[in-house]
Amino acid sequence: MMNDLAYVLYTKEQIDEMVQKLARQIERDYEGKDLVCVCILKGGIMFMADLIRAIRIPLTIDFMATSSYGSGTKSAGVVRIIKDLDRDITGKDVIIVEDIVDSGLTLTYLKEYLKSRGAASLKICTLLDKPEGRKVPLQADYFGFTTPNAFVVGYGLDYDEKYRNLPLIGVLKPEVYEKA
């Protein structure tokens, strides 16, 4: 898998350090609140697992799965909810935990959708922010790294369901996804 990377963007150590930084910010902001972290599957699972282990205040978790990419490299622009929340979030303080904010289409849709479900507050936490990919105005409340407009994989991020298990984040060589 490493041979398919043009270069490493963020090492495991850099990611671990950023996760700790984000956890401390969330702890300060949510002390004494009824926090629910909602992981957006599948890409957000690695980040969510590390993030909630690093947060030292009580919280609950839930999961959602959406589809807008398929197996390609560009967003389809249509968001479908494949797996919805299992719990009621009425009156809860919700943080959507996502691997990357790219076009902003999925998270804009999910923010409105979850607001309509009665959350007391709603914020976004993402490990990667790719502002050059934005199709709609959206700003994450907590974000780790600003990433270049390149196709990144690893640490939950995939190409055609592969590379998620890399412990780092790297830029995929164009010839890997252009041959498809």
Protein backbone atom coordinates (compact mmCIF):
# COMPACT_ATOMS: atom_id res chain seq x y z
CA MET A 1 0.00 0.00 0.00
CA MET A 2 2.84 2.39 0.82
CA ASN A 3 4.09 2.02 -2.77
CA ASP A 4 0.80 3.55 -3.97
CA LEU A 5 1.48 6.79 -2.09
CA ALA A 6 3.14 9.76 -3.75
CA TYR A 7 4.19 10.93 -0.27
CA VAL A 8 3.21 10.90 3.40
CA LEU A 9 1.26 13.96 4.41
CA TYR A 10 0.83 13.29 8.16
CA THR A 11 2.64 10.67 10.22
CA LYS A 12 1.03 8.58 12.95
CA GLU A 13 2.84 10.74 15.53
CA GLN A 14 1.51 13.98 14.02
CA ILE A 15 -2.01 12.55 13.94
CA ASP A 16 -1.77 11.36 17.57
CA GLU A 17 -0.61 14.81 18.69
CA MET A 18 -3.46 16.52 16.83
CA VAL A 19 -6.05 14.13 18.28
CA GLN A 20 -4.87 15.02 21.79
CA LYS A 21 -5.08 18.74 21.01
CA LEU A 22 -8.63 18.41 19.69
CA ALA A 23 -9.65 16.29 22.70
CA ARG A 24 -8.45 19.00 25.11
CA GLN A 25 -10.46 21.67 23.22
CA ILE A 26 -13.60 19.53 23.31
CA GLU A 27 -13.15 18.80 27.03
CA ARG A 28 -12.97 22.51 27.82
CA ASP A 29 -16.03 23.32 25.72
CA TYR A 30 -18.23 20.43 26.87
CA GLU A 31 -17.44 20.02 30.56
CA GLY A 32 -20.74 19.39 32.36
CA LYS A 33 -22.74 19.01 29.14
CA ASP A 34 -24.60 16.03 27.68
CA LEU A 35 -22.17 15.27 24.85
CA VAL A 36 -22.91 12.89 22.00
CA CYS A 37 -20.19 12.22 19.42
CA VAL A 38 -21.67 11.04 16.12
CA CYS A 39 -19.19 9.25 13.89
CA ILE A 40 -19.74 9.41 10.15
CA LEU A 41 -18.91 5.94 8.84
CA LYS A 42 -16.78 4.51 7.47
CA GLY A 43 -14.01 7.07 7.13
CA GLY A 44 -14.43 8.66 10.54
CA ILE A 45 -14.06 5.48 12.58
CA MET A 46 -10.29 5.63 13.17
CA PHE A 47 -10.39 9.29 14.14
CA MET A 48 -13.49 8.82 16.32
CA ALA A 49 -12.00 5.85 18.18
CA ASP A 50 -8.81 7.73 19.01
CA LEU A 51 -10.63 10.98 19.78
CA ILE A 52 -13.13 9.53 22.26
CA ARG A 53 -10.36 7.58 24.02
CA ALA A 54 -8.52 10.88 24.47
CA ILE A 55 -11.53 12.84 25.78
CA ARG A 56 -11.64 12.66 29.59
CA ILE A 57 -15.24 13.78 30.19
CA PRO A 58 -18.42 11.68 29.99
CA LEU A 59 -19.90 11.23 26.52
CA THR A 60 -22.01 8.85 24.48
CA ILE A 61 -21.49 7.82 20.89
CA ASP A 62 -23.62 7.02 17.87
CA PHE A 63 -22.99 6.34 14.22
CA MET A 64 -24.35 7.42 10.86
CA ALA A 65 -23.42 6.26 7.39
CA THR A 66 -23.96 8.31 4.27
CA SER A 67 -23.19 7.87 0.63
CA SER A 68 -22.09 10.51 -1.83
CA TYR A 69 -18.85 9.18 -3.29
CA GLY A 70 -19.43 5.61 -4.45
CA SER A 71 -16.13 4.12 -5.62
CA GLY A 72 -14.88 7.20 -7.46
CA THR A 73 -12.85 10.21 -6.43
CA LYS A 74 -15.50 12.91 -6.88
CA SER A 75 -18.60 13.55 -4.80
CA ALA A 76 -21.84 12.64 -6.51
CA GLY A 77 -23.45 15.71 -4.91
CA VAL A 78 -26.42 13.71 -3.62
CA VAL A 79 -26.35 12.63 0.02
CA ARG A 80 -28.11 9.46 1.08
CA ILE A 81 -28.39 8.29 4.68
CA ILE A 82 -27.56 4.60 4.75
CA LYS A 83 -27.50 4.23 8.55
CA ASP A 84 -29.29 6.63 10.84
CA LEU A 85 -28.80 7.33 14.55
CA ASP A 86 -29.87 4.68 17.05
CA ARG A 87 -30.60 7.18 19.85
CA ASP A 88 -32.67 10.28 20.35
CA ILE A 89 -30.49 13.43 20.36
CA THR A 90 -33.21 15.83 21.55
CA GLY A 91 -31.64 18.26 24.00
CA LYS A 92 -28.14 16.79 23.59
CA ASP A 93 -24.94 18.59 22.61
CA VAL A 94 -23.83 16.86 19.41
CA ILE A 95 -20.46 16.81 17.70
CA ILE A 96 -20.35 15.28 14.24
CA VAL A 97 -16.98 13.51 13.94
CA GLU A 98 -15.77 13.22 10.35
CA ASP A 99 -12.48 12.26 8.73
CA ILE A 100 -12.38 15.09 6.17
CA VAL A 101 -14.39 18.13 5.14
CA ASP A 102 -14.02 18.35 1.38
CA SER A 103 -16.94 19.59 -0.74
CA GLY A 104 -18.99 20.32 2.40
CA LEU A 105 -22.12 18.87 0.78
CA THR A 106 -22.52 15.89 3.11
CA LEU A 107 -21.88 17.82 6.31
CA THR A 108 -24.13 20.72 5.30
CA TYR A 109 -26.92 18.21 4.74
CA LEU A 110 -26.20 16.37 8.00
CA LYS A 111 -26.09 19.57 10.05
CA GLU A 112 -29.57 20.52 8.90
CA TYR A 113 -30.84 16.99 9.32
CA LEU A 114 -29.54 16.67 12.88
CA LYS A 115 -30.73 20.16 13.84
CA SER A 116 -34.21 19.07 12.85
CA ARG A 117 -33.87 16.17 15.32
CA GLY A 118 -33.73 18.61 18.27
CA ALA A 119 -30.06 18.75 19.28
CA ALA A 120 -29.34 21.44 21.88
CA SER A 121 -26.16 22.31 19.96
CA LEU A 122 -24.41 20.94 16.92
CA LYS A 123 -20.75 21.26 15.96
CA ILE A 124 -18.38 19.56 13.53
CA CYS A 125 -15.03 18.02 14.39
CA THR A 126 -12.84 16.86 11.52
CA LEU A 127 -9.28 15.72 11.34
CA LEU A 128 -8.73 17.14 7.85
CA ASP A 129 -10.09 20.31 6.31
CA LYS A 130 -9.74 20.70 2.54
CA PRO A 131 -11.04 24.23 1.85
CA GLU A 132 -10.02 24.12 -1.83
CA GLY A 133 -12.56 21.33 -2.37
CA ARG A 134 -15.53 23.29 -0.98
CA LYS A 135 -18.68 23.51 -3.08
CA VAL A 136 -20.73 25.10 -0.29
CA PRO A 137 -19.65 27.43 2.52
CA LEU A 138 -18.95 25.32 5.60
CA GLN A 139 -16.50 25.73 8.47
CA ALA A 140 -15.68 22.96 10.95
CA ASP A 141 -15.78 24.03 14.60
CA TYR A 142 -12.82 21.79 15.44
CA PHE A 143 -10.31 20.76 12.82
CA GLY A 144 -6.85 19.31 12.85
CA PHE A 145 -4.96 19.84 9.64
CA THR A 146 -5.64 21.95 6.57
CA THR A 147 -4.87 19.60 3.73
CA PRO A 148 -3.99 20.34 0.12
CA ASN A 149 -6.38 19.63 -2.72
CA ALA A 150 -5.04 16.12 -3.31
CA PHE A 151 -6.53 12.64 -3.00
CA VAL A 152 -5.59 11.49 0.50
CA VAL A 153 -5.85 8.01 2.00
CA GLY A 154 -5.07 6.29 5.28
CA TYR A 155 -6.30 6.56 8.87
CA GLY A 156 -9.84 5.75 7.76
CA LEU A 157 -9.73 7.56 4.41
CA ASP A 158 -10.06 5.28 1.43
CA TYR A 159 -9.96 4.85 -2.27
CA ASP A 160 -12.42 2.18 -3.39
CA GLU A 161 -12.56 0.86 0.22
CA LYS A 162 -8.78 0.31 0.37
CA TYR A 163 -6.02 2.06 2.37
CA ARG A 164 -8.22 2.79 5.43
CA ASN A 165 -5.93 0.72 7.63
CA LEU A 166 -2.79 2.77 7.02
CA PRO A 167 -1.74 4.38 10.35
CA LEU A 168 -0.80 7.61 8.55
CA ILE A 169 -2.28 9.88 5.89
CA GLY A 170 -0.69 10.04 2.48
CA VAL A 171 -1.39 11.37 -0.99
CA LEU A 172 -2.38 8.63 -3.41
CA LYS A 173 -0.48 8.51 -6.69
CA PRO A 174 -2.77 9.66 -9.52
CA GLU A 175 -1.97 6.60 -11.61
CA VAL A 176 -3.63 4.44 -8.94
CA TYR A 177 -7.05 6.05 -9.31
CA GLU A 178 -6.79 7.30 -12.90
CA LYS A 179 -6.45 3.78 -14.28
CA ALA A 180 -9.95 3.03 -12.97
